[in-house]
Protein backbone atom coordinates (compact mmCIF):
# COMPACT_ATOMS: atom_id res chain seq x y z
CA UNK A 1 -0.02 -0.07 -0.16
CA UNK A 2 1.35 3.42 -0.61
CA UNK A 3 1.85 5.91 1.98
CA UNK A 4 -0.06 8.90 1.16
CA UNK A 5 0.80 12.35 3.10
CA UNK A 6 -2.33 14.23 2.15
CA UNK A 7 -5.77 13.65 0.91
CA UNK A 8 -7.99 15.48 -1.06
CA UNK A 9 -11.59 15.97 -2.67
CA UNK A 10 -12.58 18.17 -5.58
CA UNK A 11 -16.49 18.46 -5.52
CA UNK A 12 -16.74 18.62 -9.39
CA UNK A 13 -19.28 20.44 -12.19
CA UNK A 14 -20.14 20.08 -15.40
CA UNK A 15 -21.66 23.31 -15.73
CA UNK A 16 -21.23 25.10 -18.81
CA UNK A 17 -19.00 28.28 -18.86
CA UNK A 18 -15.63 28.80 -17.12
CA UNK A 19 -16.26 29.61 -13.23
CA UNK A 20 -18.20 27.38 -11.36
CA UNK A 21 -19.57 27.80 -7.64
CA UNK A 22 -20.30 24.17 -7.54
CA UNK A 23 -16.62 23.10 -7.33
CA UNK A 24 -15.17 22.92 -3.89
CA UNK A 25 -11.73 21.39 -2.98
CA UNK A 26 -10.74 20.04 0.32
CA UNK A 27 -7.51 18.90 1.79
CA UNK A 28 -6.11 17.39 5.02
CA UNK A 29 -2.92 15.84 5.97
CA UNK A 30 -2.18 12.50 7.49
CA UNK A 31 -3.33 12.24 11.09
CA UNK A 32 -6.32 13.84 12.74
CA UNK A 33 -6.65 17.72 11.81
CA UNK A 34 -9.69 18.74 10.27
CA UNK A 35 -9.61 19.33 6.27
CA UNK A 36 -9.71 22.82 4.74
CA UNK A 37 -10.98 24.18 1.78
CA UNK A 38 -8.19 25.56 -0.67
CA UNK A 39 -8.99 28.99 -1.94
CA UNK A 40 -9.47 29.26 -5.57
CA UNK A 41 -6.98 31.39 -7.63
CA UNK A 42 -9.58 33.58 -8.78
CA UNK A 43 -12.31 33.47 -6.10
CA UNK A 44 -14.53 30.85 -8.03
CA UNK A 45 -12.64 27.61 -9.23
CA UNK A 46 -12.65 26.70 -12.81
CA UNK A 47 -11.94 23.01 -14.10
CA UNK A 48 -8.72 24.06 -15.50
CA UNK A 49 -7.57 25.69 -12.22
CA UNK A 50 -8.07 22.46 -10.45
CA UNK A 51 -6.24 20.59 -12.91
CA UNK A 52 -3.46 23.33 -12.70
CA UNK A 53 -3.24 22.96 -8.65
CA UNK A 54 -3.32 19.12 -8.93
CA UNK A 55 -0.32 19.15 -11.73
CA UNK A 56 1.72 21.85 -9.07
CA UNK A 57 1.58 19.46 -6.25
CA UNK A 58 4.83 17.35 -5.69
CA UNK A 59 3.89 15.10 -2.57
CA UNK A 60 2.16 11.74 -2.02
CA UNK A 61 -1.42 12.91 -2.68
CA UNK A 62 -4.67 11.09 -2.88
CA UNK A 63 -7.27 12.83 -4.72
CA UNK A 64 -10.90 11.77 -5.38
CA UNK A 65 -13.12 13.51 -7.78
CA UNK A 66 -16.90 12.95 -7.90
CA UNK A 67 -17.57 12.26 -11.39
CA UNK A 68 -17.66 8.76 -13.45
CA UNK A 69 -14.18 8.33 -15.05
CA UNK A 70 -15.79 6.23 -18.00
CA UNK A 71 -18.93 5.30 -19.40
CA UNK A 72 -20.42 1.75 -19.30
CA UNK A 73 -18.30 -0.75 -21.41
CA UNK A 74 -18.93 -4.31 -20.39
CA UNK A 75 -22.75 -4.29 -20.69
CA UNK A 76 -22.71 -3.52 -24.37
CA UNK A 77 -19.17 -4.05 -25.52
CA UNK A 78 -18.94 -0.30 -26.49
CA UNK A 79 -19.03 3.05 -24.98
CA UNK A 80 -21.52 4.45 -27.60
CA UNK A 81 -22.58 1.36 -29.78
CA UNK A 82 -22.52 1.91 -33.46
CA UNK A 83 -20.44 5.03 -33.27
CA UNK A 84 -16.46 4.85 -34.26
CA UNK A 85 -15.21 5.58 -30.88
CA UNK A 86 -12.23 3.91 -28.80
CA UNK A 87 -12.39 0.88 -26.67
CA UNK A 88 -10.26 1.71 -23.62
CA UNK A 89 -10.67 4.35 -21.10
CA UNK A 90 -7.47 6.41 -21.82
CA UNK A 91 -8.06 6.33 -25.42
CA UNK A 92 -11.54 7.47 -25.00
CA UNK A 93 -10.73 10.21 -22.40
CA UNK A 94 -8.41 11.63 -25.60
CA UNK A 95 -11.19 11.32 -28.06
CA UNK A 96 -13.25 13.25 -25.88
CA UNK A 97 -10.93 15.97 -25.05
CA UNK A 98 -10.01 16.08 -29.13
CA UNK A 99 -13.63 16.59 -30.19
CA UNK A 100 -14.67 19.19 -27.53
CA UNK A 101 -14.08 22.76 -28.04
CA UNK A 102 -16.26 23.85 -25.27
CA UNK A 103 -14.45 26.15 -22.56
CA UNK A 104 -12.56 25.23 -19.65
CA UNK A 105 -12.75 21.76 -20.31
CA UNK A 106 -16.51 21.29 -20.91
CA UNK A 107 -17.90 18.52 -22.73
CA UNK A 108 -21.74 19.71 -23.55
CA UNK A 109 -20.99 19.77 -27.10
CA UNK A 110 -20.36 15.91 -26.88
CA UNK A 111 -23.74 15.07 -25.42
CA UNK A 112 -25.89 17.76 -27.09
CA UNK A 113 -24.33 17.71 -30.82
CA UNK A 114 -21.56 14.70 -31.30
CA UNK A 115 -23.18 11.93 -29.99
CA UNK A 116 -26.82 13.22 -28.98
CA UNK A 117 -28.62 10.08 -29.69
CA UNK A 118 -27.00 8.16 -26.91
CA UNK A 119 -28.32 10.45 -24.15
CA UNK A 120 -31.76 10.94 -22.67
CA UNK A 121 -32.48 14.86 -22.54
CA UNK A 122 -36.34 14.28 -21.94
CA UNK A 123 -39.71 12.85 -22.90
CA UNK A 124 -38.88 13.97 -26.80
CA UNK A 125 -36.17 11.39 -26.95
CA UNK A 126 -38.70 8.44 -26.07
CA UNK A 127 -38.51 5.91 -23.25
CA UNK A 128 -36.20 6.96 -20.54
CA UNK A 129 -35.49 2.96 -19.75
CA UNK A 130 -33.64 2.89 -23.04
CA UNK A 131 -31.14 4.74 -22.43
CA UNK A 132 -30.34 3.17 -18.78
CA UNK A 133 -26.98 1.46 -18.79
CA UNK A 134 -24.63 1.03 -15.98
CA UNK A 135 -20.91 0.11 -15.12
CA UNK A 136 -20.25 -2.88 -13.05
CA UNK A 137 -19.32 -0.77 -9.96
CA UNK A 138 -22.57 1.21 -10.50
CA UNK A 139 -24.85 -2.15 -10.71
CA UNK A 140 -23.23 -3.26 -7.59
CA UNK A 141 -23.74 -0.25 -5.67
CA UNK A 142 -27.03 0.13 -7.31
CA UNK A 143 -27.86 -3.40 -5.70
CA UNK A 144 -26.40 -2.21 -2.07
CA UNK A 145 -28.16 1.04 -2.02
CA UNK A 146 -30.98 1.07 -4.13
CA UNK A 147 -29.93 3.94 -6.61
CA UNK A 148 -27.21 4.65 -9.16
CA UNK A 149 -26.71 7.25 -11.68
CA UNK A 150 -25.85 6.69 -15.59
CA UNK A 151 -23.93 9.19 -17.65
CA UNK A 152 -26.43 8.67 -20.29
CA UNK A 153 -28.93 10.20 -18.40
CA UNK A 154 -28.51 13.81 -18.97
CA UNK A 155 -31.63 15.65 -17.35
CA UNK A 156 -32.50 16.74 -13.85
CA UNK A 157 -30.44 17.99 -11.28
CA UNK A 158 -28.92 14.82 -9.93
CA UNK A 159 -27.62 14.02 -13.34
CA UNK A 160 -23.80 13.30 -13.46
CA UNK A 161 -23.53 13.33 -17.59
CA UNK A 162 -21.98 16.66 -18.16
CA UNK A 163 -19.66 16.44 -15.05
CA UNK A 164 -18.38 12.99 -16.05
CA UNK A 165 -17.51 13.82 -19.93
CA UNK A 166 -16.05 17.10 -18.48
CA UNK A 167 -13.95 15.26 -16.05
CA UNK A 168 -12.70 12.73 -18.52
CA UNK A 169 -11.09 15.69 -20.36
CA UNK A 170 -9.57 16.56 -17.00
CA UNK A 171 -8.12 12.93 -16.98
CA UNK A 172 -6.84 13.26 -20.26
CA UNK A 173 -4.58 16.15 -19.04
CA UNK A 174 -3.64 14.52 -15.95
CA UNK A 175 -3.10 11.01 -17.50
CA UNK A 176 1.07 11.54 -17.51
CA UNK A 177 1.45 13.27 -14.29
CA UNK A 178 -1.03 11.35 -12.08
CA UNK A 179 -1.42 7.48 -11.66
CA UNK A 180 -5.40 7.36 -12.25
CA UNK A 181 -6.91 4.42 -10.28
CA UNK A 182 -7.80 1.44 -11.39
CA UNK A 183 -6.89 2.36 -14.87
CA UNK A 184 -2.87 2.59 -13.68
CA UNK A 185 -1.26 0.78 -11.20
CA UNK A 186 -0.72 2.23 -7.77
CA UNK A 187 2.82 3.74 -7.56
CA UNK A 188 4.91 3.29 -4.29
CA UNK A 189 5.10 7.17 -4.48
CA UNK A 190 3.39 10.25 -6.02
CA UNK A 191 0.02 11.28 -6.77
CA UNK A 192 -2.99 9.11 -7.33
CA UNK A 193 -6.42 10.15 -8.29
CA UNK A 194 -9.83 8.17 -7.97
CA UNK A 195 -13.40 7.99 -8.42
CA UNK A 196 -15.29 8.59 -5.41
CA UNK A 197 -19.10 8.96 -4.69
CA UNK A 198 -19.81 11.36 -1.83
CA UNK A 199 -22.96 9.71 -0.48
CA UNK A 200 -20.48 6.58 0.63
CA UNK A 201 -18.66 8.99 2.43
CA UNK A 202 -21.60 10.37 3.93
CA UNK A 203 -22.76 6.98 4.99
CA UNK A 204 -19.57 6.29 6.83
CA UNK A 205 -19.66 9.51 8.36
CA UNK A 206 -22.93 8.64 9.83
CA UNK A 207 -25.07 10.70 7.99
CA UNK A 208 -28.64 9.09 7.93
CA UNK A 209 -29.86 7.87 4.57
CA UNK A 210 -31.97 10.06 2.56
CA UNK A 211 -30.16 13.23 4.46
CA UNK A 212 -26.78 13.10 2.65
CA UNK A 213 -26.23 16.70 2.82
CA UNK A 214 -24.73 18.76 5.70
CA UNK A 215 -25.25 22.42 5.55
CA UNK A 216 -24.48 23.36 9.34
CA UNK A 217 -21.23 23.48 11.59
CA UNK A 218 -22.61 21.37 14.39
CA UNK A 219 -23.38 18.51 11.67
CA UNK A 220 -20.16 19.02 9.79
CA UNK A 221 -18.23 18.58 13.15
CA UNK A 222 -20.30 15.56 14.10
CA UNK A 223 -19.49 14.03 10.63
CA UNK A 224 -15.89 14.95 10.89
CA UNK A 225 -15.45 13.25 14.35
CA UNK A 226 -16.94 9.94 13.44
CA UNK A 227 -14.28 9.80 10.63
CA UNK A 228 -11.51 10.58 13.05
CA UNK A 229 -11.02 14.15 12.66
CA UNK A 230 -10.65 17.29 14.57
CA UNK A 231 -13.41 19.89 14.45
CA UNK A 232 -13.10 22.06 10.96
CA UNK A 233 -12.54 25.96 11.16
CA UNK A 234 -15.63 27.83 10.49
CA UNK A 235 -16.60 28.64 6.85
CA UNK A 236 -17.93 31.65 5.32
CA UNK A 237 -21.01 29.80 3.61
CA UNK A 238 -22.08 25.91 4.36
CA UNK A 239 -22.84 24.86 0.97
CA UNK A 240 -23.63 21.15 -0.13
CA UNK A 241 -20.25 21.47 -2.20
CA UNK A 242 -17.88 22.45 0.50
CA UNK A 243 -19.08 20.27 3.15
CA UNK A 244 -18.98 17.29 0.58
CA UNK A 245 -15.39 18.07 -0.14
CA UNK A 246 -14.25 18.32 3.47
CA UNK A 247 -16.11 14.95 4.49
CA UNK A 248 -15.06 12.94 1.63
CA UNK A 249 -11.29 14.31 2.01
CA UNK A 250 -11.63 13.05 5.81
CA UNK A 251 -13.04 9.93 4.78
CA UNK A 252 -10.38 9.14 1.93
CA UNK A 253 -7.80 9.51 4.96
CA UNK A 254 -9.81 7.34 7.24
CA UNK A 255 -9.97 4.32 4.79
CA UNK A 256 -7.27 4.88 2.40
CA UNK A 257 -5.01 2.05 4.32
CA UNK A 258 -7.89 -0.65 3.90
CA UNK A 259 -6.71 -3.15 1.10
CA UNK A 260 -10.17 -4.54 0.31
CA UNK A 261 -11.14 -0.98 -0.97
CA UNK A 262 -8.10 -1.14 -3.69
CA UNK A 263 -8.94 -4.70 -4.75
CA UNK A 264 -12.90 -5.55 -4.67
CA UNK A 265 -13.69 -8.76 -5.51
CA UNK A 266 -15.62 -7.81 -8.90
CA UNK A 267 -12.94 -5.66 -10.16
CA UNK A 268 -10.90 -7.42 -12.83
CA UNK A 269 -8.35 -6.45 -15.78
CA UNK A 270 -11.20 -5.74 -18.30
CA UNK A 271 -13.16 -3.71 -16.10
CA UNK A 272 -10.11 -1.55 -14.90
CA UNK A 273 -9.08 -0.79 -18.27
CA UNK A 274 -12.48 0.35 -19.77
CA UNK A 275 -14.83 1.30 -17.04
CA UNK A 276 -12.85 1.54 -13.74
CA UNK A 277 -14.07 1.78 -10.57
CA UNK A 278 -15.62 4.11 -7.70
CA UNK A 279 -13.31 3.65 -4.65
CA UNK A 280 -15.43 2.12 -1.66
CA UNK A 281 -17.45 -0.11 -3.74
CA UNK A 282 -16.82 -3.63 -2.93
């Protein structure tokens, strides 16, 4: 197991534009000091600024991102059946980045124009169930939690489609400087990025099912205490994005030494090369 010195979580956004209040970045050191929010370089984070920040780090950092690192592949043998697209995640990231010219690593054009027929945007697209395909880790999480999102569902506040394809452009930027698990093996030293699901961290922090979001200081401190962390420094605003990032950074620190999470029984070579895995699902 690698020995990480710091742990981070980026609460991500797929919104159009170049500045995103929905992005928050939290970091904590090994030990029990509370995680803290990293101040954006220009008051509000951009996706590119997150990439630049991570590329500038030079220690043994473990960082989680809350988007799907690849579309489903195993279920249908293709990311986008009947379209000429790559068949491995790393090549697919490069493809997404190449065909998107949206600002700030955005990928809305990928869903709305280039591969429109694969994504559900509303009733005009027909039956929603025709678009519902999941990765193997999502099926496993769905069976245990009763809910899973798919990157082909692009409608509603809880959709992860735009954030995930924007995230794939980020991963393409990071691929040579950061080990992206499980698509790359864990190095003995250096930076590692992985996919997280903030609800898993919230459950581990004692947040009741159906109440995944914390929006007050006392609730945040209680969650951090459950994860072995000291109380946080007061925030100017207790947004979902900020508290999700803080709790998940503390959760990563708390569980990163668990070898079972790095080697789930269902994760095999084909899944690791094509779909990836959500850390914490086993």
